Amino acid sequence: MVPGTPSAPTGGIAAAHHVTLLLGGGPQSFGLLALNIAVSVTVGSTVLGVVRGVGEELGWRAVLQPEATRRLGPLRGTLAVGLYWAYWHLP
């Protein structure tokens, strides 16, 4: 960098140069870029949602439910997990 020259931007769109889009990078027309962003965000959100959903269900059903049933019995364990689940999902 040459002294006295402005520094390169570090935030905003200039910081997104390393982001990979599904339909390719590099120069694109506005329409292709818009489609590329829409497809990339949709696929990324779907994958993230599925991974988070599977992880959450494993936590509630495979870890908490059997332990609550073992400690509290079938009815009270199920009610306790239901109450915890409802409280967790309030926000």
PDB file of N, CA and C in Angstrom:
ATOM      1  N   MET A   1       0.846  -1.165   0.000  1.00  0.00           N
ATOM      2  CA  MET A   1       0.000   0.000   0.000  1.00  0.00           C
ATOM      3  C   MET A   1       0.893   1.229   0.000  1.00  0.00           C
ATOM      4  N   VAL A   2       0.518   2.221  -0.795  1.00  0.00           N
ATOM      5  CA  VAL A   2       1.287   3.460  -0.920  1.00  0.00           C
ATOM      6  C   VAL A   2       0.834   4.436   0.160  1.00  0.00           C
ATOM      7  N   PRO A   3       1.795   5.054   0.902  1.00  0.00           N
ATOM      8  CA  PRO A   3       1.391   6.024   1.914  1.00  0.00           C
ATOM      9  C   PRO A   3       0.619   7.179   1.296  1.00  0.00           C
ATOM     10  N   GLY A   4      -0.429   7.601   2.006  1.00  0.00           N
ATOM     11  CA  GLY A   4      -1.227   8.727   1.535  1.00  0.00           C
ATOM     12  C   GLY A   4      -2.389   8.336   0.644  1.00  0.00           C
ATOM     13  N   THR A   5      -2.515   7.066   0.279  1.00  0.00           N
ATOM     14  CA  THR A   5      -3.643   6.629  -0.539  1.00  0.00           C
ATOM     15  C   THR A   5      -4.693   6.013   0.367  1.00  0.00           C
ATOM     16  N   PRO A   6      -5.955   6.132  -0.011  1.00  0.00           N
ATOM     17  CA  PRO A   6      -7.001   5.552   0.832  1.00  0.00           C
ATOM     18  C   PRO A   6      -6.881   4.033   0.868  1.00  0.00           C
ATOM     19  N   SER A   7      -7.250   3.446   1.996  1.00  0.00           N
ATOM     20  CA  SER A   7      -7.175   1.992   2.126  1.00  0.00           C
ATOM     21  C   SER A   7      -8.367   1.345   1.432  1.00  0.00           C
ATOM     22  N   ALA A   8      -8.204   0.093   1.119  1.00  0.00           N
ATOM     23  CA  ALA A   8      -9.280  -0.659   0.475  1.00  0.00           C
ATOM     24  C   ALA A   8     -10.409  -0.860   1.473  1.00  0.00           C
ATOM     25  N   PRO A   9     -11.643  -0.852   1.000  1.00  0.00           N
ATOM     26  CA  PRO A   9     -12.756  -1.069   1.915  1.00  0.00           C
ATOM     27  C   PRO A   9     -12.674  -2.455   2.558  1.00  0.00           C
ATOM     28  N   THR A  10     -13.074  -2.539   3.814  1.00  0.00           N
ATOM     29  CA  THR A  10     -12.993  -3.820   4.514  1.00  0.00           C
ATOM     30  C   THR A  10     -14.358  -4.412   4.825  1.00  0.00           C
ATOM     31  N   GLY A  11     -15.431  -3.692   4.592  1.00  0.00           N
ATOM     32  CA  GLY A  11     -16.761  -4.207   4.894  1.00  0.00           C
ATOM     33  C   GLY A  11     -17.654  -4.126   3.676  1.00  0.00           C
ATOM     34  N   GLY A  12     -18.912  -4.423   3.863  1.00  0.00           N
ATOM     35  CA  GLY A  12     -19.888  -4.321   2.783  1.00  0.00           C
ATOM     36  C   GLY A  12     -19.668  -5.348   1.704  1.00  0.00           C
ATOM     37  N   ILE A  13     -20.035  -4.977   0.512  1.00  0.00           N
ATOM     38  CA  ILE A  13     -19.954  -5.897  -0.625  1.00  0.00           C
ATOM     39  C   ILE A  13     -18.516  -6.250  -0.977  1.00  0.00           C
ATOM     40  N   ALA A  14     -17.574  -5.354  -0.686  1.00  0.00           N
ATOM     41  CA  ALA A  14     -16.168  -5.643  -0.976  1.00  0.00           C
ATOM     42  C   ALA A  14     -15.654  -6.801  -0.130  1.00  0.00           C
ATOM     43  N   ALA A  15     -16.222  -7.001   1.039  1.00  0.00           N
ATOM     44  CA  ALA A  15     -15.793  -8.083   1.916  1.00  0.00           C
ATOM     45  C   ALA A  15     -16.375  -9.427   1.494  1.00  0.00           C
ATOM     46  N   ALA A  16     -17.311  -9.435   0.584  1.00  0.00           N
ATOM     47  CA  ALA A  16     -17.979 -10.670   0.175  1.00  0.00           C
ATOM     48  C   ALA A  16     -17.326 -11.322  -1.038  1.00  0.00           C
ATOM     49  N   HIS A  17     -16.129 -10.910  -1.399  1.00  0.00           N
ATOM     50  CA  HIS A  17     -15.482 -11.452  -2.603  1.00  0.00           C
ATOM     51  C   HIS A  17     -15.141 -12.922  -2.462  1.00  0.00           C
ATOM     52  N   HIS A  18     -15.054 -13.453  -1.253  1.00  0.00           N
ATOM     53  CA  HIS A  18     -14.705 -14.857  -1.046  1.00  0.00           C
ATOM     54  C   HIS A  18     -15.921 -15.768  -0.959  1.00  0.00           C
ATOM     55  N   VAL A  19     -17.109 -15.215  -1.044  1.00  0.00           N
ATOM     56  CA  VAL A  19     -18.328 -16.006  -0.947  1.00  0.00           C
ATOM     57  C   VAL A  19     -18.533 -16.779  -2.247  1.00  0.00           C
ATOM     58  N   THR A  20     -18.812 -18.061  -2.113  1.00  0.00           N
ATOM     59  CA  THR A  20     -19.033 -18.892  -3.289  1.00  0.00           C
ATOM     60  C   THR A  20     -20.529 -18.984  -3.568  1.00  0.00           C
ATOM     61  N   LEU A  21     -20.901 -18.716  -4.783  1.00  0.00           N
ATOM     62  CA  LEU A  21     -22.292 -18.839  -5.201  1.00  0.00           C
ATOM     63  C   LEU A  21     -22.442 -20.125  -6.008  1.00  0.00           C
ATOM     64  N   LEU A  22     -23.612 -20.718  -5.960  1.00  0.00           N
ATOM     65  CA  LEU A  22     -23.820 -22.024  -6.587  1.00  0.00           C
ATOM     66  C   LEU A  22     -23.711 -21.998  -8.110  1.00  0.00           C
ATOM     67  N   LEU A  23     -24.106 -20.900  -8.718  1.00  0.00           N
ATOM     68  CA  LEU A  23     -24.088 -20.842 -10.180  1.00  0.00           C
ATOM     69  C   LEU A  23     -22.814 -20.209 -10.713  1.00  0.00           C
ATOM     70  N   GLY A  24     -21.781 -20.158  -9.902  1.00  0.00           N
ATOM     71  CA  GLY A  24     -20.490 -19.658 -10.350  1.00  0.00           C
ATOM     72  C   GLY A  24     -20.220 -18.243  -9.898  1.00  0.00           C
ATOM     73  N   GLY A  25     -18.959 -17.870  -9.961  1.00  0.00           N
ATOM     74  CA  GLY A  25     -18.538 -16.524  -9.583  1.00  0.00           C
ATOM     75  C   GLY A  25     -18.061 -15.774 -10.805  1.00  0.00           C
ATOM     76  N   GLY A  26     -17.442 -14.656 -10.571  1.00  0.00           N
ATOM     77  CA  GLY A  26     -16.926 -13.856 -11.668  1.00  0.00           C
ATOM     78  C   GLY A  26     -17.973 -12.908 -12.203  1.00  0.00           C
ATOM     79  N   PRO A  27     -17.639 -12.227 -13.265  1.00  0.00           N
ATOM     80  CA  PRO A  27     -18.567 -11.251 -13.844  1.00  0.00           C
ATOM     81  C   PRO A  27     -19.856 -11.929 -14.324  1.00  0.00           C
ATOM     82  N   GLN A  28     -20.982 -11.337 -13.948  1.00  0.00           N
ATOM     83  CA  GLN A  28     -22.286 -11.876 -14.338  1.00  0.00           C
ATOM     84  C   GLN A  28     -23.215 -10.712 -14.631  1.00  0.00           C
ATOM     85  N   SER A  29     -24.191 -10.969 -15.479  1.00  0.00           N
ATOM     86  CA  SER A  29     -25.211  -9.953 -15.722  1.00  0.00           C
ATOM     87  C   SER A  29     -26.045  -9.801 -14.454  1.00  0.00           C
ATOM     88  N   PHE A  30     -26.775  -8.696 -14.346  1.00  0.00           N
ATOM     89  CA  PHE A  30     -27.579  -8.457 -13.152  1.00  0.00           C
ATOM     90  C   PHE A  30     -28.604  -9.564 -12.945  1.00  0.00           C
ATOM     91  N   GLY A  31     -29.253 -10.003 -14.010  1.00  0.00           N
ATOM     92  CA  GLY A  31     -30.262 -11.060 -13.899  1.00  0.00           C
ATOM     93  C   GLY A  31     -29.670 -12.370 -13.406  1.00  0.00           C
ATOM     94  N   LEU A  32     -28.522 -12.752 -13.954  1.00  0.00           N
ATOM     95  CA  LEU A  32     -27.872 -13.994 -13.528  1.00  0.00           C
ATOM     96  C   LEU A  32     -27.383 -13.871 -12.092  1.00  0.00           C
ATOM     97  N   LEU A  33     -26.851 -12.712 -11.723  1.00  0.00           N
ATOM     98  CA  LEU A  33     -26.398 -12.509 -10.352  1.00  0.00           C
ATOM     99  C   LEU A  33     -27.565 -12.612  -9.383  1.00  0.00           C
ATOM    100  N   ALA A  34     -28.701 -11.996  -9.710  1.00  0.00           N
ATOM    101  CA  ALA A  34     -29.879 -12.068  -8.851  1.00  0.00           C
ATOM    102  C   ALA A  34     -30.354 -13.517  -8.710  1.00  0.00           C
ATOM    103  N   LEU A  35     -30.395 -14.254  -9.816  1.00  0.00           N
ATOM    104  CA  LEU A  35     -30.784 -15.663  -9.770  1.00  0.00           C
ATOM    105  C   LEU A  35     -29.776 -16.470  -8.952  1.00  0.00           C
ATOM    106  N   ASN A  36     -28.497 -16.193  -9.152  1.00  0.00           N
ATOM    107  CA  ASN A  36     -27.432 -16.880  -8.438  1.00  0.00           C
ATOM    108  C   ASN A  36     -27.568 -16.675  -6.934  1.00  0.00           C
ATOM    109  N   ILE A  37     -27.805 -15.458  -6.512  1.00  0.00           N
ATOM    110  CA  ILE A  37     -27.965 -15.164  -5.091  1.00  0.00           C
ATOM    111  C   ILE A  37     -29.221 -15.852  -4.543  1.00  0.00           C
ATOM    112  N   ALA A  38     -30.327 -15.779  -5.287  1.00  0.00           N
ATOM    113  CA  ALA A  38     -31.572 -16.398  -4.834  1.00  0.00           C
ATOM    114  C   ALA A  38     -31.422 -17.910  -4.676  1.00  0.00           C
ATOM    115  N   VAL A  39     -30.805 -18.555  -5.649  1.00  0.00           N
ATOM    116  CA  VAL A  39     -30.604 -20.006  -5.584  1.00  0.00           C
ATOM    117  C   VAL A  39     -29.663 -20.357  -4.434  1.00  0.00           C
ATOM    118  N   SER A  40     -28.582 -19.614  -4.296  1.00  0.00           N
ATOM    119  CA  SER A  40     -27.601 -19.900  -3.249  1.00  0.00           C
ATOM    120  C   SER A  40     -28.198 -19.730  -1.856  1.00  0.00           C
ATOM    121  N   VAL A  41     -28.957 -18.668  -1.645  1.00  0.00           N
ATOM    122  CA  VAL A  41     -29.579 -18.430  -0.341  1.00  0.00           C
ATOM    123  C   VAL A  41     -30.640 -19.489  -0.049  1.00  0.00           C
ATOM    124  N   THR A  42     -31.419 -19.859  -1.053  1.00  0.00           N
ATOM    125  CA  THR A  42     -32.460 -20.871  -0.863  1.00  0.00           C
ATOM    126  C   THR A  42     -31.859 -22.220  -0.508  1.00  0.00           C
ATOM    127  N   VAL A  43     -30.865 -22.651  -1.253  1.00  0.00           N
ATOM    128  CA  VAL A  43     -30.234 -23.950  -0.981  1.00  0.00           C
ATOM    129  C   VAL A  43     -29.524 -23.923   0.372  1.00  0.00           C
ATOM    130  N   GLY A  44     -28.789 -22.846   0.658  1.00  0.00           N
ATOM    131  CA  GLY A  44     -28.096 -22.746   1.939  1.00  0.00           C
ATOM    132  C   GLY A  44     -29.046 -22.753   3.116  1.00  0.00           C
ATOM    133  N   SER A  45     -30.146 -22.018   3.007  1.00  0.00           N
ATOM    134  CA  SER A  45     -31.134 -21.979   4.087  1.00  0.00           C
ATOM    135  C   SER A  45     -31.799 -23.330   4.285  1.00  0.00           C
ATOM    136  N   THR A  46     -32.073 -24.026   3.205  1.00  0.00           N
ATOM    137  CA  THR A  46     -32.700 -25.346   3.302  1.00  0.00           C
ATOM    138  C   THR A  46     -31.764 -26.337   3.985  1.00  0.00           C
ATOM    139  N   VAL A  47     -30.513 -26.354   3.578  1.00  0.00           N
ATOM    140  CA  VAL A  47     -29.543 -27.266   4.187  1.00  0.00           C
ATOM    141  C   VAL A  47     -29.380 -26.946   5.673  1.00  0.00           C
ATOM    142  N   LEU A  48     -29.230 -25.668   5.996  1.00  0.00           N
ATOM    143  CA  LEU A  48     -29.077 -25.270   7.393  1.00  0.00           C
ATOM    144  C   LEU A  48     -30.310 -25.638   8.206  1.00  0.00           C
ATOM    145  N   GLY A  49     -31.482 -25.428   7.662  1.00  0.00           N
ATOM    146  CA  GLY A  49     -32.713 -25.773   8.371  1.00  0.00           C
ATOM    147  C   GLY A  49     -32.839 -27.265   8.638  1.00  0.00           C
ATOM    148  N   VAL A  50     -32.480 -28.081   7.661  1.00  0.00           N
ATOM    149  CA  VAL A  50     -32.558 -29.535   7.835  1.00  0.00           C
ATOM    150  C   VAL A  50     -31.552 -29.996   8.892  1.00  0.00           C
ATOM    151  N   VAL A  51     -30.335 -29.478   8.826  1.00  0.00           N
ATOM    152  CA  VAL A  51     -29.312 -29.876   9.796  1.00  0.00           C
ATOM    153  C   VAL A  51     -29.720 -29.461  11.206  1.00  0.00           C
ATOM    154  N   ARG A  52     -30.210 -28.252  11.353  1.00  0.00           N
ATOM    155  CA  ARG A  52     -30.638 -27.789  12.670  1.00  0.00           C
ATOM    156  C   ARG A  52     -31.854 -28.579  13.168  1.00  0.00           C
ATOM    157  N   GLY A  53     -32.782 -28.872  12.278  1.00  0.00           N
ATOM    158  CA  GLY A  53     -33.968 -29.639  12.667  1.00  0.00           C
ATOM    159  C   GLY A  53     -33.633 -31.048  13.113  1.00  0.00           C
ATOM    160  N   VAL A  54     -32.735 -31.697  12.387  1.00  0.00           N
ATOM    161  CA  VAL A  54     -32.324 -33.053  12.766  1.00  0.00           C
ATOM    162  C   VAL A  54     -31.598 -33.013  14.104  1.00  0.00           C
ATOM    163  N   GLY A  55     -30.728 -32.026  14.292  1.00  0.00           N
ATOM    164  CA  GLY A  55     -30.014 -31.907  15.561  1.00  0.00           C
ATOM    165  C   GLY A  55     -30.951 -31.654  16.723  1.00  0.00           C
ATOM    166  N   GLU A  56     -31.940 -30.813  16.512  1.00  0.00           N
ATOM    167  CA  GLU A  56     -32.896 -30.516  17.574  1.00  0.00           C
ATOM    168  C   GLU A  56     -33.716 -31.752  17.923  1.00  0.00           C
ATOM    169  N   GLU A  57     -34.195 -32.454  16.924  1.00  0.00           N
ATOM    170  CA  GLU A  57     -34.986 -33.657  17.198  1.00  0.00           C
ATOM    171  C   GLU A  57     -34.156 -34.733  17.890  1.00  0.00           C
ATOM    172  N   LEU A  58     -32.902 -34.859  17.508  1.00  0.00           N
ATOM    173  CA  LEU A  58     -32.038 -35.817  18.206  1.00  0.00           C
ATOM    174  C   LEU A  58     -31.896 -35.442  19.675  1.00  0.00           C
ATOM    175  N   GLY A  59     -31.771 -34.144  19.945  1.00  0.00           N
ATOM    176  CA  GLY A  59     -31.641 -33.695  21.320  1.00  0.00           C
ATOM    177  C   GLY A  59     -32.899 -33.943  22.131  1.00  0.00           C
ATOM    178  N   TRP A  60     -34.047 -33.576  21.579  1.00  0.00           N
ATOM    179  CA  TRP A  60     -35.303 -33.729  22.325  1.00  0.00           C
ATOM    180  C   TRP A  60     -35.711 -35.190  22.431  1.00  0.00           C
ATOM    181  N   ARG A  61     -35.661 -35.910  21.317  1.00  0.00           N
ATOM    182  CA  ARG A  61     -36.231 -37.265  21.288  1.00  0.00           C
ATOM    183  C   ARG A  61     -35.240 -38.364  21.674  1.00  0.00           C
ATOM    184  N   ALA A  62     -33.975 -38.205  21.321  1.00  0.00           N
ATOM    185  CA  ALA A  62     -33.015 -39.281  21.567  1.00  0.00           C
ATOM    186  C   ALA A  62     -32.264 -39.107  22.880  1.00  0.00           C
ATOM    187  N   VAL A  63     -32.221 -37.900  23.425  1.00  0.00           N
ATOM    188  CA  VAL A  63     -31.479 -37.663  24.660  1.00  0.00           C
ATOM    189  C   VAL A  63     -32.425 -37.329  25.811  1.00  0.00           C
ATOM    190  N   LEU A  64     -33.197 -36.257  25.653  1.00  0.00           N
ATOM    191  CA  LEU A  64     -34.011 -35.773  26.769  1.00  0.00           C
ATOM    192  C   LEU A  64     -35.202 -36.687  27.072  1.00  0.00           C
ATOM    193  N   GLN A  65     -35.926 -37.131  26.053  1.00  0.00           N
ATOM    194  CA  GLN A  65     -37.131 -37.936  26.289  1.00  0.00           C
ATOM    195  C   GLN A  65     -36.835 -39.247  27.025  1.00  0.00           C
ATOM    196  N   PRO A  66     -35.865 -40.031  26.593  1.00  0.00           N
ATOM    197  CA  PRO A  66     -35.596 -41.274  27.338  1.00  0.00           C
ATOM    198  C   PRO A  66     -35.145 -41.022  28.778  1.00  0.00           C
ATOM    199  N   GLU A  67     -34.345 -39.991  28.978  1.00  0.00           N
ATOM    200  CA  GLU A  67     -33.872 -39.688  30.327  1.00  0.00           C
ATOM    201  C   GLU A  67     -35.012 -39.205  31.223  1.00  0.00           C
ATOM    202  N   ALA A  68     -35.882 -38.360  30.685  1.00  0.00           N
ATOM    203  CA  ALA A  68     -37.034 -37.891  31.461  1.00  0.00           C
ATOM    204  C   ALA A  68     -37.984 -39.044  31.766  1.00  0.00           C
ATOM    205  N   THR A  69     -38.186 -39.935  30.833  1.00  0.00           N
ATOM    206  CA  THR A  69     -39.054 -41.096  31.055  1.00  0.00           C
ATOM    207  C   THR A  69     -38.447 -42.017  32.112  1.00  0.00           C
ATOM    208  N   ARG A  70     -37.149 -42.201  32.065  1.00  0.00           N
ATOM    209  CA  ARG A  70     -36.478 -43.054  33.049  1.00  0.00           C
ATOM    210  C   ARG A  70     -36.596 -42.467  34.454  1.00  0.00           C
ATOM    211  N   ARG A  71     -36.415 -41.148  34.561  1.00  0.00           N
ATOM    212  CA  ARG A  71     -36.427 -40.516  35.883  1.00  0.00           C
ATOM    213  C   ARG A  71     -37.831 -40.237  36.413  1.00  0.00           C
ATOM    214  N   LEU A  72     -38.767 -39.875  35.528  1.00  0.00           N
ATOM    215  CA  LEU A  72     -40.074 -39.413  35.980  1.00  0.00           C
ATOM    216  C   LEU A  72     -41.220 -40.360  35.654  1.00  0.00           C
ATOM    217  N   GLY A  73     -40.962 -41.367  34.843  1.00  0.00           N
ATOM    218  CA  GLY A  73     -42.036 -42.251  34.400  1.00  0.00           C
ATOM    219  C   GLY A  73     -42.578 -41.766  33.058  1.00  0.00           C
ATOM    220  N   PRO A  74     -43.360 -42.615  32.379  1.00  0.00           N
ATOM    221  CA  PRO A  74     -43.815 -42.278  31.025  1.00  0.00           C
ATOM    222  C   PRO A  74     -44.691 -41.028  30.955  1.00  0.00           C
ATOM    223  N   LEU A  75     -45.676 -40.904  31.800  1.00  0.00           N
ATOM    224  CA  LEU A  75     -46.600 -39.773  31.710  1.00  0.00           C
ATOM    225  C   LEU A  75     -45.937 -38.465  32.145  1.00  0.00           C
ATOM    226  N   ARG A  76     -45.345 -38.471  33.328  1.00  0.00           N
ATOM    227  CA  ARG A  76     -44.721 -37.242  33.820  1.00  0.00           C
ATOM    228  C   ARG A  76     -43.500 -36.853  32.979  1.00  0.00           C
ATOM    229  N   GLY A  77     -42.760 -37.837  32.485  1.00  0.00           N
ATOM    230  CA  GLY A  77     -41.611 -37.548  31.624  1.00  0.00           C
ATOM    231  C   GLY A  77     -42.042 -36.887  30.325  1.00  0.00           C
ATOM    232  N   THR A  78     -43.100 -37.397  29.726  1.00  0.00           N
ATOM    233  CA  THR A  78     -43.623 -36.818  28.487  1.00  0.00           C
ATOM    234  C   THR A  78     -44.151 -35.412  28.725  1.00  0.00           C
ATOM    235  N   LEU A  79     -44.884 -35.214  29.819  1.00  0.00           N
ATOM    236  CA  LEU A  79     -45.380 -33.876  30.136  1.00  0.00           C
ATOM    237  C   LEU A  79     -44.243 -32.900  30.404  1.00  0.00           C
ATOM    238  N   ALA A  80     -43.218 -33.356  31.113  1.00  0.00           N
ATOM    239  CA  ALA A  80     -42.070 -32.483  31.397  1.00  0.00           C
ATOM    240  C   ALA A  80     -41.358 -32.073  30.111  1.00  0.00           C
ATOM    241  N   VAL A  81     -41.123 -33.025  29.225  1.00  0.00           N
ATOM    242  CA  VAL A  81     -40.465 -32.697  27.949  1.00  0.00           C
ATOM    243  C   VAL A  81     -41.343 -31.759  27.131  1.00  0.00           C
ATOM    244  N   GLY A  82     -42.649 -31.969  27.148  1.00  0.00           N
ATOM    245  CA  GLY A  82     -43.563 -31.078  26.437  1.00  0.00           C
ATOM    246  C   GLY A  82     -43.505 -29.662  26.977  1.00  0.00           C
ATOM    247  N   LEU A  83     -43.450 -29.531  28.300  1.00  0.00           N
ATOM    248  CA  LEU A  83     -43.345 -28.196  28.900  1.00  0.00           C
ATOM    249  C   LEU A  83     -42.001 -27.544  28.574  1.00  0.00           C
ATOM    250  N   TYR A  84     -40.918 -28.316  28.663  1.00  0.00           N
ATOM    251  CA  TYR A  84     -39.597 -27.775  28.298  1.00  0.00           C
ATOM    252  C   TYR A  84     -39.572 -27.351  26.845  1.00  0.00           C
ATOM    253  N   TRP A  85     -40.135 -28.186  25.981  1.00  0.00           N
ATOM    254  CA  TRP A  85     -40.160 -27.882  24.546  1.00  0.00           C
ATOM    255  C   TRP A  85     -40.933 -26.586  24.290  1.00  0.00           C
ATOM    256  N   ALA A  86     -42.102 -26.451  24.917  1.00  0.00           N
ATOM    257  CA  ALA A  86     -42.921 -25.245  24.726  1.00  0.00           C
ATOM    258  C   ALA A  86     -42.188 -24.007  25.221  1.00  0.00           C
ATOM    259  N   TYR A  87     -41.553 -24.097  26.380  1.00  0.00           N
ATOM    260  CA  TYR A  87     -40.808 -22.957  26.923  1.00  0.00           C
ATOM    261  C   TYR A  87     -39.648 -22.587  26.013  1.00  0.00           C
ATOM    262  N   TRP A  88     -38.939 -23.578  25.504  1.00  0.00           N
ATOM    263  CA  TRP A  88     -37.780 -23.369  24.631  1.00  0.00           C
ATOM    264  C   TRP A  88     -38.203 -22.638  23.343  1.00  0.00           C
ATOM    265  N   HIS A  89     -39.385 -22.970  22.837  1.00  0.00           N
ATOM    266  CA  HIS A  89     -39.831 -22.421  21.555  1.00  0.00           C
ATOM    267  C   HIS A  89     -40.683 -21.160  21.688  1.00  0.00           C
ATOM    268  N   LEU A  90     -40.883 -20.652  22.897  1.00  0.00           N
ATOM    269  CA  LEU A  90     -41.659 -19.413  23.068  1.00  0.00           C
ATOM    270  C   LEU A  90     -41.059 -18.234  22.317  1.00  0.00           C
ATOM    271  N   PRO A  91     -39.757 -17.987  22.432  1.00  0.00           N
ATOM    272  CA  PRO A  91     -39.215 -16.807  21.728  1.00  0.00           C
ATOM    273  C   PRO A  91     -39.373 -16.953  20.237  1.00  0.00           C
TER     274      PRO A  91
END
